[in-house]
C-alpha cells in the first residue's frame, strides 16, 4: 500500500475538521477551515498527479509514448509551449 505525506498544518486542519470541536467553531471559522482543507488537498492531489505523469514520462519506452507523456507532464507543470524544447535532453 502506498503512503502519502502531507504538511503538518494540513493534517491538523483535517483532524479538527472531522472532530467534534468543529461544531463549536463560528460559521466564519468553519468556512475558513473548510477552504484551507480543500485547498490543501487539491494542492497535494495536483502534486501527486504531476509526479505520476513525470514517472510515466521517464519510464516510457523511447518514441511516441515517451513524447506523449513528456507533453502531458509539461502541460501539468504549466510550462508554456513557447518555452519547451522540441528535442528531449539525453540522460547522462
N, C-alpha and C. Protein backbone atom coordinates (compact mmCIF):
# COMPACT_ATOMS: atom_id res chain seq x y z
N UNK A 1 0.84 -1.17 0.00
CA UNK A 1 0.00 0.00 0.00
C UNK A 1 0.89 1.25 0.00
N UNK A 2 0.60 2.18 -0.89
CA UNK A 2 1.36 3.42 -0.95
C UNK A 2 0.92 4.35 0.16
N UNK A 3 1.84 5.23 0.55
CA UNK A 3 1.52 6.23 1.55
C UNK A 3 1.73 7.61 0.93
N UNK A 4 1.16 8.61 1.58
CA UNK A 4 1.25 9.99 1.11
C UNK A 4 1.65 10.86 2.29
N UNK A 5 2.60 11.76 2.05
CA UNK A 5 2.99 12.70 3.08
C UNK A 5 2.25 14.02 2.85
N UNK A 6 1.76 14.59 3.94
CA UNK A 6 1.09 15.89 3.86
C UNK A 6 1.72 16.80 4.91
N UNK A 7 1.63 18.10 4.72
CA UNK A 7 2.15 19.03 5.72
C UNK A 7 1.41 18.87 7.06
N UNK A 8 2.11 19.17 8.13
CA UNK A 8 1.54 19.04 9.47
C UNK A 8 0.32 19.94 9.61
N UNK A 9 0.38 21.14 9.07
CA UNK A 9 -0.76 22.07 9.17
C UNK A 9 -2.02 21.48 8.53
N UNK A 10 -1.85 20.86 7.38
CA UNK A 10 -3.00 20.24 6.72
C UNK A 10 -3.53 19.08 7.56
N UNK A 11 -2.64 18.28 8.13
CA UNK A 11 -3.07 17.18 8.99
C UNK A 11 -3.85 17.70 10.20
N UNK A 12 -3.32 18.75 10.83
CA UNK A 12 -4.01 19.34 11.99
C UNK A 12 -5.39 19.86 11.60
N UNK A 13 -5.47 20.53 10.45
CA UNK A 13 -6.76 21.04 9.98
C UNK A 13 -7.74 19.91 9.68
N UNK A 14 -7.24 18.83 9.10
CA UNK A 14 -8.12 17.67 8.83
C UNK A 14 -8.64 17.07 10.13
N UNK A 15 -7.77 16.95 11.11
CA UNK A 15 -8.20 16.41 12.41
C UNK A 15 -9.28 17.28 13.03
N UNK A 16 -9.08 18.58 12.98
CA UNK A 16 -10.08 19.49 13.54
C UNK A 16 -11.38 19.44 12.73
N UNK A 17 -11.24 19.37 11.41
CA UNK A 17 -12.41 19.36 10.52
C UNK A 17 -13.33 18.17 10.81
N UNK A 18 -12.74 17.03 11.14
CA UNK A 18 -13.54 15.83 11.37
C UNK A 18 -13.77 15.53 12.85
N UNK A 19 -13.42 16.47 13.72
CA UNK A 19 -13.63 16.24 15.15
C UNK A 19 -14.92 16.91 15.61
N UNK A 20 -15.28 16.61 16.83
CA UNK A 20 -16.47 17.22 17.44
C UNK A 20 -16.26 18.72 17.67
N UNK A 21 -15.01 19.13 17.80
CA UNK A 21 -14.71 20.55 18.05
C UNK A 21 -15.09 21.44 16.87
N UNK A 22 -15.24 20.86 15.70
CA UNK A 22 -15.59 21.63 14.51
C UNK A 22 -16.91 22.36 14.70
N UNK A 23 -17.87 21.71 15.35
CA UNK A 23 -19.19 22.31 15.54
C UNK A 23 -19.15 23.51 16.48
N UNK A 24 -18.11 23.60 17.31
CA UNK A 24 -18.00 24.69 18.27
C UNK A 24 -17.40 25.94 17.65
N UNK A 25 -16.89 25.83 16.44
CA UNK A 25 -16.32 26.98 15.76
C UNK A 25 -17.44 27.86 15.19
N UNK A 26 -17.14 29.14 15.02
CA UNK A 26 -18.12 30.02 14.39
C UNK A 26 -18.25 29.63 12.92
N UNK A 27 -19.31 30.09 12.28
CA UNK A 27 -19.50 29.73 10.87
C UNK A 27 -18.37 30.30 10.00
N UNK A 28 -17.87 31.45 10.37
CA UNK A 28 -16.74 32.03 9.62
C UNK A 28 -15.49 31.16 9.77
N UNK A 29 -15.22 30.69 10.99
CA UNK A 29 -14.07 29.82 11.23
C UNK A 29 -14.24 28.48 10.52
N UNK A 30 -15.47 27.96 10.53
CA UNK A 30 -15.74 26.71 9.81
C UNK A 30 -15.49 26.87 8.32
N UNK A 31 -15.95 27.97 7.77
CA UNK A 31 -15.76 28.23 6.34
C UNK A 31 -14.28 28.37 6.00
N UNK A 32 -13.55 29.09 6.83
CA UNK A 32 -12.11 29.28 6.62
C UNK A 32 -11.37 27.94 6.72
N UNK A 33 -11.73 27.12 7.70
CA UNK A 33 -11.11 25.81 7.85
C UNK A 33 -11.44 24.90 6.67
N UNK A 34 -12.68 24.92 6.24
CA UNK A 34 -13.10 24.13 5.08
C UNK A 34 -12.29 24.51 3.85
N UNK A 35 -12.17 25.80 3.58
CA UNK A 35 -11.40 26.26 2.42
C UNK A 35 -9.93 25.86 2.54
N UNK A 36 -9.39 25.93 3.73
CA UNK A 36 -7.99 25.55 3.95
C UNK A 36 -7.77 24.06 3.66
N UNK A 37 -8.69 23.22 4.13
CA UNK A 37 -8.58 21.78 3.91
C UNK A 37 -8.74 21.46 2.42
N UNK A 38 -9.73 22.03 1.78
CA UNK A 38 -9.96 21.76 0.36
C UNK A 38 -8.77 22.22 -0.48
N UNK A 39 -8.27 23.41 -0.21
CA UNK A 39 -7.12 23.94 -0.95
C UNK A 39 -5.89 23.05 -0.75
N UNK A 40 -5.65 22.64 0.48
CA UNK A 40 -4.50 21.77 0.77
C UNK A 40 -4.60 20.42 0.08
N UNK A 41 -5.79 19.83 0.07
CA UNK A 41 -5.97 18.53 -0.57
C UNK A 41 -5.86 18.63 -2.10
N UNK A 42 -6.38 19.70 -2.66
CA UNK A 42 -6.27 19.90 -4.12
C UNK A 42 -4.81 20.11 -4.50
N UNK A 43 -4.09 20.90 -3.72
CA UNK A 43 -2.67 21.13 -3.99
C UNK A 43 -1.89 19.81 -3.94
N UNK A 44 -2.17 19.00 -2.94
CA UNK A 44 -1.48 17.72 -2.81
C UNK A 44 -1.84 16.78 -3.95
N UNK A 45 -3.11 16.72 -4.33
CA UNK A 45 -3.54 15.85 -5.43
C UNK A 45 -2.89 16.29 -6.75
N UNK A 46 -2.78 17.60 -6.97
CA UNK A 46 -2.12 18.10 -8.17
C UNK A 46 -0.65 17.69 -8.20
N UNK A 47 0.01 17.80 -7.06
CA UNK A 47 1.42 17.42 -6.98
C UNK A 47 1.59 15.92 -7.24
N UNK A 48 0.69 15.11 -6.72
CA UNK A 48 0.76 13.66 -6.95
C UNK A 48 0.54 13.33 -8.42
N UNK A 49 -0.40 14.01 -9.05
CA UNK A 49 -0.66 13.78 -10.47
C UNK A 49 0.52 14.19 -11.34
N UNK A 50 1.14 15.34 -11.00
CA UNK A 50 2.33 15.76 -11.75
C UNK A 50 3.46 14.76 -11.59
N UNK A 51 3.65 14.24 -10.39
CA UNK A 51 4.71 13.27 -10.14
C UNK A 51 4.44 11.97 -10.91
N UNK A 52 3.20 11.54 -10.94
CA UNK A 52 2.85 10.33 -11.69
C UNK A 52 3.09 10.53 -13.19
N UNK A 53 2.75 11.70 -13.71
CA UNK A 53 2.98 11.99 -15.13
C UNK A 53 4.48 12.01 -15.42
N UNK A 54 5.27 12.58 -14.52
CA UNK A 54 6.72 12.62 -14.71
C UNK A 54 7.30 11.20 -14.71
N UNK A 55 6.82 10.36 -13.79
CA UNK A 55 7.30 8.99 -13.72
C UNK A 55 6.96 8.23 -15.00
N UNK A 56 5.75 8.39 -15.50
CA UNK A 56 5.36 7.74 -16.76
C UNK A 56 6.24 8.21 -17.90
N UNK A 57 6.54 9.50 -17.94
CA UNK A 57 7.39 10.06 -18.99
C UNK A 57 8.79 9.46 -18.92
N UNK A 58 9.36 9.39 -17.72
CA UNK A 58 10.73 8.91 -17.57
C UNK A 58 10.86 7.40 -17.78
N UNK A 59 9.78 6.64 -17.53
CA UNK A 59 9.87 5.19 -17.65
C UNK A 59 9.29 4.65 -18.95
N UNK A 60 8.74 5.52 -19.78
CA UNK A 60 8.14 5.08 -21.04
C UNK A 60 9.24 4.68 -22.02
N UNK A 61 8.87 3.82 -22.93
CA UNK A 61 9.79 3.42 -23.98
C UNK A 61 10.06 4.61 -24.90
N UNK A 62 11.27 4.73 -25.43
CA UNK A 62 11.55 5.82 -26.37
C UNK A 62 10.60 5.78 -27.56
N UNK A 63 10.25 6.94 -28.05
CA UNK A 63 9.36 7.00 -29.20
C UNK A 63 8.11 7.79 -28.91
N UNK A 64 7.03 7.37 -29.56
CA UNK A 64 5.77 8.11 -29.47
C UNK A 64 5.22 8.19 -28.05
N UNK A 65 5.21 7.09 -27.30
CA UNK A 65 4.60 7.12 -25.97
C UNK A 65 5.41 8.01 -25.02
N UNK A 66 6.72 7.99 -25.14
CA UNK A 66 7.55 8.83 -24.28
C UNK A 66 7.28 10.31 -24.56
N UNK A 67 7.19 10.66 -25.82
CA UNK A 67 6.91 12.06 -26.19
C UNK A 67 5.52 12.47 -25.73
N UNK A 68 4.56 11.56 -25.82
CA UNK A 68 3.20 11.85 -25.35
C UNK A 68 3.21 12.17 -23.86
N UNK A 69 3.86 11.31 -23.07
CA UNK A 69 3.90 11.52 -21.62
C UNK A 69 4.73 12.76 -21.26
N UNK A 70 5.73 13.06 -22.07
CA UNK A 70 6.50 14.29 -21.86
C UNK A 70 5.59 15.50 -22.03
N UNK A 71 4.78 15.52 -23.06
CA UNK A 71 3.85 16.63 -23.29
C UNK A 71 2.83 16.73 -22.16
N UNK A 72 2.33 15.59 -21.72
CA UNK A 72 1.35 15.58 -20.62
C UNK A 72 1.98 16.19 -19.37
N UNK A 73 3.20 15.75 -19.06
CA UNK A 73 3.87 16.27 -17.87
C UNK A 73 4.11 17.78 -17.98
N UNK A 74 4.61 18.24 -19.12
CA UNK A 74 4.88 19.67 -19.29
C UNK A 74 3.59 20.50 -19.21
N UNK A 75 2.50 19.95 -19.74
CA UNK A 75 1.21 20.64 -19.62
C UNK A 75 0.79 20.75 -18.15
N UNK A 76 0.94 19.66 -17.41
CA UNK A 76 0.55 19.67 -15.99
C UNK A 76 1.45 20.59 -15.17
N UNK A 77 2.72 20.67 -15.55
CA UNK A 77 3.66 21.51 -14.83
C UNK A 77 3.48 22.98 -15.17
N UNK A 78 2.69 23.27 -16.20
CA UNK A 78 2.41 24.65 -16.56
C UNK A 78 3.51 25.29 -17.39
N UNK A 79 4.32 24.48 -18.06
CA UNK A 79 5.37 25.00 -18.92
C UNK A 79 4.75 25.41 -20.25
N UNK A 80 4.84 26.69 -20.58
CA UNK A 80 4.23 27.19 -21.81
C UNK A 80 4.92 26.57 -23.03
N UNK A 81 4.16 26.32 -24.07
CA UNK A 81 4.68 25.67 -25.27
C UNK A 81 5.84 26.44 -25.90
N UNK A 82 5.86 27.76 -25.76
CA UNK A 82 6.95 28.56 -26.31
C UNK A 82 8.27 28.36 -25.56
N UNK A 83 8.21 27.88 -24.36
CA UNK A 83 9.40 27.68 -23.55
C UNK A 83 9.94 26.25 -23.65
N UNK A 84 9.27 25.40 -24.37
CA UNK A 84 9.66 23.99 -24.46
C UNK A 84 10.65 23.78 -25.60
N UNK A 85 11.53 22.83 -25.37
CA UNK A 85 12.45 22.42 -26.41
C UNK A 85 11.80 21.28 -27.20
N UNK A 86 12.01 21.28 -28.50
CA UNK A 86 11.47 20.19 -29.31
C UNK A 86 12.29 18.92 -29.17
N UNK A 87 13.49 19.07 -28.66
CA UNK A 87 14.39 17.93 -28.53
C UNK A 87 14.54 17.61 -27.05
N UNK A 88 14.31 16.35 -26.71
CA UNK A 88 14.46 15.92 -25.32
C UNK A 88 15.94 15.81 -25.00
N UNK A 89 16.30 16.29 -23.81
CA UNK A 89 17.69 16.22 -23.38
C UNK A 89 18.06 14.77 -23.09
N UNK A 90 19.22 14.30 -23.56
CA UNK A 90 19.62 12.92 -23.29
C UNK A 90 19.98 12.73 -21.83
N UNK A 91 19.77 11.53 -21.31
CA UNK A 91 20.14 11.22 -19.93
C UNK A 91 21.64 11.04 -19.86
N UNK A 92 22.29 11.56 -18.81
CA UNK A 92 23.75 11.42 -18.68
C UNK A 92 24.16 10.00 -18.41
